[in-house]
Amino acid sequence: MQGAYALWIGQSVTLEVAAEELRVPLRGVIVGESDCMVRLRVGEGWDIDIYKHMVLAIELDNWADVLVN
C-alpha cells in the first residue's frame, strides 16, 4: 500500500508545518516517507524528518519553475 505522500516524492514542494501556535512554510523536495514521518530535503544533502501530523498543507513549489527557466 502506498503512503499518502508517494505521489509527491521527488517533487519540489512547499509544506505548511505547525508546531504549537507557529505555522511555517518549508520549501524542499520530498525524498521519502515512513508510517509517521515525511523526509524533506531542504538543501544540498540536508534532510529533515517531519511528523505527518504536523503537516497542514502541501503544494507544488512555484519557485522551482522560476529558478529553472
PDB file of N, CA and C in Angstrom:
ATOM      1  N   MET A   1       0.843  -1.185   0.000  1.00  0.00           N
ATOM      2  CA  MET A   1       0.000   0.000   0.000  1.00  0.00           C
ATOM      3  C   MET A   1       0.884   1.242   0.000  1.00  0.00           C
ATOM      4  N   GLN A   2       0.616   2.174  -0.909  1.00  0.00           N
ATOM      5  CA  GLN A   2       1.382   3.403  -0.983  1.00  0.00           C
ATOM      6  C   GLN A   2       0.984   4.363   0.126  1.00  0.00           C
ATOM      7  N   GLY A   3       1.972   5.167   0.550  1.00  0.00           N
ATOM      8  CA  GLY A   3       1.697   6.176   1.546  1.00  0.00           C
ATOM      9  C   GLY A   3       1.026   7.392   0.936  1.00  0.00           C
ATOM     10  N   ALA A   4       0.546   8.255   1.778  1.00  0.00           N
ATOM     11  CA  ALA A   4      -0.166   9.458   1.333  1.00  0.00           C
ATOM     12  C   ALA A   4       0.735  10.417   0.561  1.00  0.00           C
ATOM     13  N   TYR A   5       2.041  10.336   0.759  1.00  0.00           N
ATOM     14  CA  TYR A   5       2.975  11.254   0.120  1.00  0.00           C
ATOM     15  C   TYR A   5       3.704  10.633  -1.068  1.00  0.00           C
ATOM     16  N   ALA A   6       3.346   9.430  -1.462  1.00  0.00           N
ATOM     17  CA  ALA A   6       4.047   8.716  -2.537  1.00  0.00           C
ATOM     18  C   ALA A   6       4.042   9.504  -3.848  1.00  0.00           C
ATOM     19  N   LEU A   7       2.950  10.163  -4.175  1.00  0.00           N
ATOM     20  CA  LEU A   7       2.870  10.939  -5.413  1.00  0.00           C
ATOM     21  C   LEU A   7       3.743  12.187  -5.382  1.00  0.00           C
ATOM     22  N   TRP A   8       4.119  12.635  -4.194  1.00  0.00           N
ATOM     23  CA  TRP A   8       4.910  13.855  -4.046  1.00  0.00           C
ATOM     24  C   TRP A   8       6.409  13.592  -4.019  1.00  0.00           C
ATOM     25  N   ILE A   9       6.832  12.344  -3.897  1.00  0.00           N
ATOM     26  CA  ILE A   9       8.264  12.026  -3.794  1.00  0.00           C
ATOM     27  C   ILE A   9       8.976  12.479  -5.065  1.00  0.00           C
ATOM     28  N   GLY A  10      10.067  13.209  -4.868  1.00  0.00           N
ATOM     29  CA  GLY A  10      10.843  13.750  -5.970  1.00  0.00           C
ATOM     30  C   GLY A  10      10.366  15.102  -6.462  1.00  0.00           C
ATOM     31  N   GLN A  11       9.272  15.604  -5.918  1.00  0.00           N
ATOM     32  CA  GLN A  11       8.686  16.886  -6.329  1.00  0.00           C
ATOM     33  C   GLN A  11       9.178  18.025  -5.425  1.00  0.00           C
ATOM     34  N   SER A  12       9.396  19.198  -6.025  1.00  0.00           N
ATOM     35  CA  SER A  12       9.672  20.404  -5.238  1.00  0.00           C
ATOM     36  C   SER A  12       8.343  20.891  -4.681  1.00  0.00           C
ATOM     37  N   VAL A  13       8.263  20.997  -3.363  1.00  0.00           N
ATOM     38  CA  VAL A  13       7.011  21.343  -2.705  1.00  0.00           C
ATOM     39  C   VAL A  13       7.233  22.402  -1.632  1.00  0.00           C
ATOM     40  N   THR A  14       6.125  22.973  -1.203  1.00  0.00           N
ATOM     41  CA  THR A  14       6.090  23.797  -0.005  1.00  0.00           C
ATOM     42  C   THR A  14       5.137  23.111   0.963  1.00  0.00           C
ATOM     43  N   LEU A  15       5.638  22.799   2.151  1.00  0.00           N
ATOM     44  CA  LEU A  15       4.810  22.216   3.208  1.00  0.00           C
ATOM     45  C   LEU A  15       4.461  23.308   4.206  1.00  0.00           C
ATOM     46  N   GLU A  16       3.217  23.373   4.620  1.00  0.00           N
ATOM     47  CA  GLU A  16       2.847  24.234   5.738  1.00  0.00           C
ATOM     48  C   GLU A  16       2.870  23.349   6.970  1.00  0.00           C
ATOM     49  N   VAL A  17       3.765  23.690   7.894  1.00  0.00           N
ATOM     50  CA  VAL A  17       4.003  22.852   9.070  1.00  0.00           C
ATOM     51  C   VAL A  17       3.609  23.623  10.327  1.00  0.00           C
ATOM     52  N   ALA A  18       2.939  22.948  11.254  1.00  0.00           N
ATOM     53  CA  ALA A  18       2.501  23.568  12.501  1.00  0.00           C
ATOM     54  C   ALA A  18       3.254  22.968  13.675  1.00  0.00           C
ATOM     55  N   ALA A  19       3.653  23.846  14.583  1.00  0.00           N
ATOM     56  CA  ALA A  19       4.241  23.448  15.857  1.00  0.00           C
ATOM     57  C   ALA A  19       3.668  24.389  16.918  1.00  0.00           C
ATOM     58  N   GLU A  20       2.783  23.851  17.745  1.00  0.00           N
ATOM     59  CA  GLU A  20       2.023  24.642  18.713  1.00  0.00           C
ATOM     60  C   GLU A  20       1.290  25.765  17.983  1.00  0.00           C
ATOM     61  N   GLU A  21       1.524  27.050  18.312  1.00  0.00           N
ATOM     62  CA  GLU A  21       0.822  28.150  17.633  1.00  0.00           C
ATOM     63  C   GLU A  21       1.546  28.628  16.379  1.00  0.00           C
ATOM     64  N   LEU A  22       2.687  28.085  16.094  1.00  0.00           N
ATOM     65  CA  LEU A  22       3.514  28.522  14.979  1.00  0.00           C
ATOM     66  C   LEU A  22       3.189  27.749  13.705  1.00  0.00           C
ATOM     67  N   ARG A  23       3.054  28.459  12.597  1.00  0.00           N
ATOM     68  CA  ARG A  23       2.869  27.835  11.277  1.00  0.00           C
ATOM     69  C   ARG A  23       3.985  28.331  10.373  1.00  0.00           C
ATOM     70  N   VAL A  24       4.703  27.396   9.760  1.00  0.00           N
ATOM     71  CA  VAL A  24       5.885  27.737   8.976  1.00  0.00           C
ATOM     72  C   VAL A  24       5.818  27.064   7.610  1.00  0.00           C
ATOM     73  N   PRO A  25       6.090  27.810   6.523  1.00  0.00           N
ATOM     74  CA  PRO A  25       6.210  27.156   5.220  1.00  0.00           C
ATOM     75  C   PRO A  25       7.637  26.630   5.052  1.00  0.00           C
ATOM     76  N   LEU A  26       7.777  25.395   4.623  1.00  0.00           N
ATOM     77  CA  LEU A  26       9.084  24.791   4.364  1.00  0.00           C
ATOM     78  C   LEU A  26       9.145  24.382   2.900  1.00  0.00           C
ATOM     79  N   ARG A  27      10.172  24.858   2.201  1.00  0.00           N
ATOM     80  CA  ARG A  27      10.357  24.502   0.794  1.00  0.00           C
ATOM     81  C   ARG A  27      11.444  23.454   0.681  1.00  0.00           C
ATOM     82  N   GLY A  28      11.194  22.471  -0.184  1.00  0.00           N
ATOM     83  CA  GLY A  28      12.182  21.429  -0.409  1.00  0.00           C
ATOM     84  C   GLY A  28      11.627  20.354  -1.322  1.00  0.00           C
ATOM     85  N   VAL A  29      12.313  19.226  -1.340  1.00  0.00           N
ATOM     86  CA  VAL A  29      11.922  18.081  -2.155  1.00  0.00           C
ATOM     87  C   VAL A  29      11.618  16.921  -1.227  1.00  0.00           C
ATOM     88  N   ILE A  30      10.450  16.314  -1.368  1.00  0.00           N
ATOM     89  CA  ILE A  30      10.116  15.139  -0.565  1.00  0.00           C
ATOM     90  C   ILE A  30      10.915  13.961  -1.112  1.00  0.00           C
ATOM     91  N   VAL A  31      11.693  13.337  -0.248  1.00  0.00           N
ATOM     92  CA  VAL A  31      12.553  12.229  -0.676  1.00  0.00           C
ATOM     93  C   VAL A  31      12.131  10.892  -0.092  1.00  0.00           C
ATOM     94  N   GLY A  32      11.146  10.882   0.803  1.00  0.00           N
ATOM     95  CA  GLY A  32      10.678   9.623   1.348  1.00  0.00           C
ATOM     96  C   GLY A  32       9.658   9.824   2.448  1.00  0.00           C
ATOM     97  N   GLU A  33       9.108   8.697   2.890  1.00  0.00           N
ATOM     98  CA  GLU A  33       8.152   8.740   3.999  1.00  0.00           C
ATOM     99  C   GLU A  33       8.156   7.407   4.737  1.00  0.00           C
ATOM    100  N   SER A  34       7.811   7.472   5.992  1.00  0.00           N
ATOM    101  CA  SER A  34       7.608   6.279   6.807  1.00  0.00           C
ATOM    102  C   SER A  34       6.171   6.327   7.313  1.00  0.00           C
ATOM    103  N   ASP A  35       5.836   5.461   8.248  1.00  0.00           N
ATOM    104  CA  ASP A  35       4.466   5.443   8.774  1.00  0.00           C
ATOM    105  C   ASP A  35       4.061   6.768   9.415  1.00  0.00           C
ATOM    106  N   CYS A  36       5.006   7.435  10.084  1.00  0.00           N
ATOM    107  CA  CYS A  36       4.638   8.649  10.813  1.00  0.00           C
ATOM    108  C   CYS A  36       5.432   9.890  10.415  1.00  0.00           C
ATOM    109  N   MET A  37       6.380   9.758   9.463  1.00  0.00           N
ATOM    110  CA  MET A  37       7.227  10.888   9.100  1.00  0.00           C
ATOM    111  C   MET A  37       7.323  11.071   7.595  1.00  0.00           C
ATOM    112  N   VAL A  38       7.614  12.319   7.209  1.00  0.00           N
ATOM    113  CA  VAL A  38       7.930  12.680   5.834  1.00  0.00           C
ATOM    114  C   VAL A  38       9.366  13.194   5.853  1.00  0.00           C
ATOM    115  N   ARG A  39      10.197  12.742   4.904  1.00  0.00           N
ATOM    116  CA  ARG A  39      11.572  13.237   4.809  1.00  0.00           C
ATOM    117  C   ARG A  39      11.633  14.283   3.715  1.00  0.00           C
ATOM    118  N   LEU A  40      12.097  15.500   4.088  1.00  0.00           N
ATOM    119  CA  LEU A  40      12.158  16.641   3.186  1.00  0.00           C
ATOM    120  C   LEU A  40      13.614  17.075   3.042  1.00  0.00           C
ATOM    121  N   ARG A  41      14.077  17.174   1.795  1.00  0.00           N
ATOM    122  CA  ARG A  41      15.433  17.671   1.529  1.00  0.00           C
ATOM    123  C   ARG A  41      15.325  19.174   1.316  1.00  0.00           C
ATOM    124  N   VAL A  42      15.938  19.939   2.231  1.00  0.00           N
ATOM    125  CA  VAL A  42      15.830  21.393   2.199  1.00  0.00           C
ATOM    126  C   VAL A  42      17.102  22.065   1.696  1.00  0.00           C
ATOM    127  N   GLY A  43      18.136  21.308   1.455  1.00  0.00           N
ATOM    128  CA  GLY A  43      19.382  21.857   0.946  1.00  0.00           C
ATOM    129  C   GLY A  43      20.231  20.733   0.388  1.00  0.00           C
ATOM    130  N   GLU A  44      21.421  21.062  -0.047  1.00  0.00           N
ATOM    131  CA  GLU A  44      22.329  20.052  -0.574  1.00  0.00           C
ATOM    132  C   GLU A  44      22.648  19.006   0.504  1.00  0.00           C
ATOM    133  N   GLY A  45      22.024  17.846   0.373  1.00  0.00           N
ATOM    134  CA  GLY A  45      22.298  16.761   1.311  1.00  0.00           C
ATOM    135  C   GLY A  45      21.781  16.987   2.717  1.00  0.00           C
ATOM    136  N   TRP A  46      20.892  17.963   2.908  1.00  0.00           N
ATOM    137  CA  TRP A  46      20.361  18.245   4.242  1.00  0.00           C
ATOM    138  C   TRP A  46      18.906  17.833   4.288  1.00  0.00           C
ATOM    139  N   ASP A  47      18.651  16.671   4.912  1.00  0.00           N
ATOM    140  CA  ASP A  47      17.303  16.115   5.018  1.00  0.00           C
ATOM    141  C   ASP A  47      16.773  16.298   6.431  1.00  0.00           C
ATOM    142  N   ILE A  48      15.484  16.596   6.522  1.00  0.00           N
ATOM    143  CA  ILE A  48      14.837  16.675   7.832  1.00  0.00           C
ATOM    144  C   ILE A  48      13.608  15.779   7.816  1.00  0.00           C
ATOM    145  N   ASP A  49      13.317  15.187   8.952  1.00  0.00           N
ATOM    146  CA  ASP A  49      12.117  14.372   9.119  1.00  0.00           C
ATOM    147  C   ASP A  49      11.068  15.197   9.838  1.00  0.00           C
ATOM    148  N   ILE A  50       9.861  15.191   9.278  1.00  0.00           N
ATOM    149  CA  ILE A  50       8.749  15.961   9.834  1.00  0.00           C
ATOM    150  C   ILE A  50       7.621  14.990  10.151  1.00  0.00           C
ATOM    151  N   TYR A  51       7.094  15.072  11.363  1.00  0.00           N
ATOM    152  CA  TYR A  51       5.954  14.239  11.715  1.00  0.00           C
ATOM    153  C   TYR A  51       4.773  14.580  10.814  1.00  0.00           C
ATOM    154  N   LYS A  52       4.111  13.564  10.293  1.00  0.00           N
ATOM    155  CA  LYS A  52       2.977  13.783   9.388  1.00  0.00           C
ATOM    156  C   LYS A  52       1.857  14.592  10.041  1.00  0.00           C
ATOM    157  N   HIS A  53       1.645  14.402  11.331  1.00  0.00           N
ATOM    158  CA  HIS A  53       0.553  15.133  11.982  1.00  0.00           C
ATOM    159  C   HIS A  53       0.828  16.640  12.071  1.00  0.00           C
ATOM    160  N   MET A  54       2.067  17.058  11.816  1.00  0.00           N
ATOM    161  CA  MET A  54       2.413  18.478  11.829  1.00  0.00           C
ATOM    162  C   MET A  54       2.175  19.155  10.478  1.00  0.00           C
ATOM    163  N   VAL A  55       2.000  18.377   9.415  1.00  0.00           N
ATOM    164  CA  VAL A  55       1.816  18.925   8.072  1.00  0.00           C
ATOM    165  C   VAL A  55       0.354  19.319   7.875  1.00  0.00           C
ATOM    166  N   LEU A  56       0.127  20.611   7.657  1.00  0.00           N
ATOM    167  CA  LEU A  56      -1.229  21.121   7.458  1.00  0.00           C
ATOM    168  C   LEU A  56      -1.608  21.171   5.985  1.00  0.00           C
ATOM    169  N   ALA A  57      -0.622  21.438   5.123  1.00  0.00           N
ATOM    170  CA  ALA A  57      -0.898  21.559   3.685  1.00  0.00           C
ATOM    171  C   ALA A  57       0.363  21.264   2.900  1.00  0.00           C
ATOM    172  N   ILE A  58       0.176  20.878   1.639  1.00  0.00           N
ATOM    173  CA  ILE A  58       1.275  20.635   0.718  1.00  0.00           C
ATOM    174  C   ILE A  58       0.870  21.160  -0.652  1.00  0.00           C
ATOM    175  N   GLU A  59       1.821  21.817  -1.331  1.00  0.00           N
ATOM    176  CA  GLU A  59       1.554  22.292  -2.691  1.00  0.00           C
ATOM    177  C   GLU A  59       2.861  22.284  -3.473  1.00  0.00           C
ATOM    178  N   LEU A  60       2.730  22.213  -4.794  1.00  0.00           N
ATOM    179  CA  LEU A  60       3.911  22.287  -5.643  1.00  0.00           C
ATOM    180  C   LEU A  60       4.589  23.630  -5.430  1.00  0.00           C
ATOM    181  N   ASP A  61       5.907  23.618  -5.438  1.00  0.00           N
ATOM    182  CA  ASP A  61       6.687  24.830  -5.217  1.00  0.00           C
ATOM    183  C   ASP A  61       6.781  25.620  -6.517  1.00  0.00           C
ATOM    184  N   ASN A  62       6.134  26.776  -6.586  1.00  0.00           N
ATOM    185  CA  ASN A  62       6.146  27.620  -7.774  1.00  0.00           C
ATOM    186  C   ASN A  62       7.529  28.190  -8.065  1.00  0.00           C
ATOM    187  N   TRP A  63       8.354  28.380  -7.041  1.00  0.00           N
ATOM    188  CA  TRP A  63       9.688  28.939  -7.241  1.00  0.00           C
ATOM    189  C   TRP A  63      10.582  28.010  -8.021  1.00  0.00           C
ATOM    190  N   ALA A  64      10.344  26.716  -7.976  1.00  0.00           N
ATOM    191  CA  ALA A  64      11.166  25.775  -8.716  1.00  0.00           C
ATOM    192  C   ALA A  64      11.098  26.062 -10.212  1.00  0.00           C
ATOM    193  N   ASP A  65       9.929  26.423 -10.738  1.00  0.00           N
ATOM    194  CA  ASP A  65       9.771  26.758 -12.144  1.00  0.00           C
ATOM    195  C   ASP A  65      10.516  28.033 -12.509  1.00  0.00           C
ATOM    196  N   VAL A  66      10.501  29.026 -11.634  1.00  0.00           N
ATOM    197  CA  VAL A  66      11.162  30.298 -11.887  1.00  0.00           C
ATOM    198  C   VAL A  66      12.668  30.106 -11.948  1.00  0.00           C
ATOM    199  N   LEU A  67      13.221  29.318 -11.039  1.00  0.00           N
ATOM    200  CA  LEU A  67      14.667  29.122 -10.975  1.00  0.00           C
ATOM    201  C   LEU A  67      15.206  28.315 -12.146  1.00  0.00           C
ATOM    202  N   VAL A  68      14.414  27.404 -12.684  1.00  0.00           N
ATOM    203  CA  VAL A  68      14.851  26.565 -13.793  1.00  0.00           C
ATOM    204  C   VAL A  68      14.867  27.345 -15.090  1.00  0.00           C
ATOM    205  N   ASN A  69      13.888  28.214 -15.272  1.00  0.00           N
ATOM    206  CA  ASN A  69      13.758  28.961 -16.541  1.00  0.00           C
ATOM    207  C   ASN A  69      14.721  30.072 -16.613  1.00  0.00           C
TER     208      ASN A  69
END
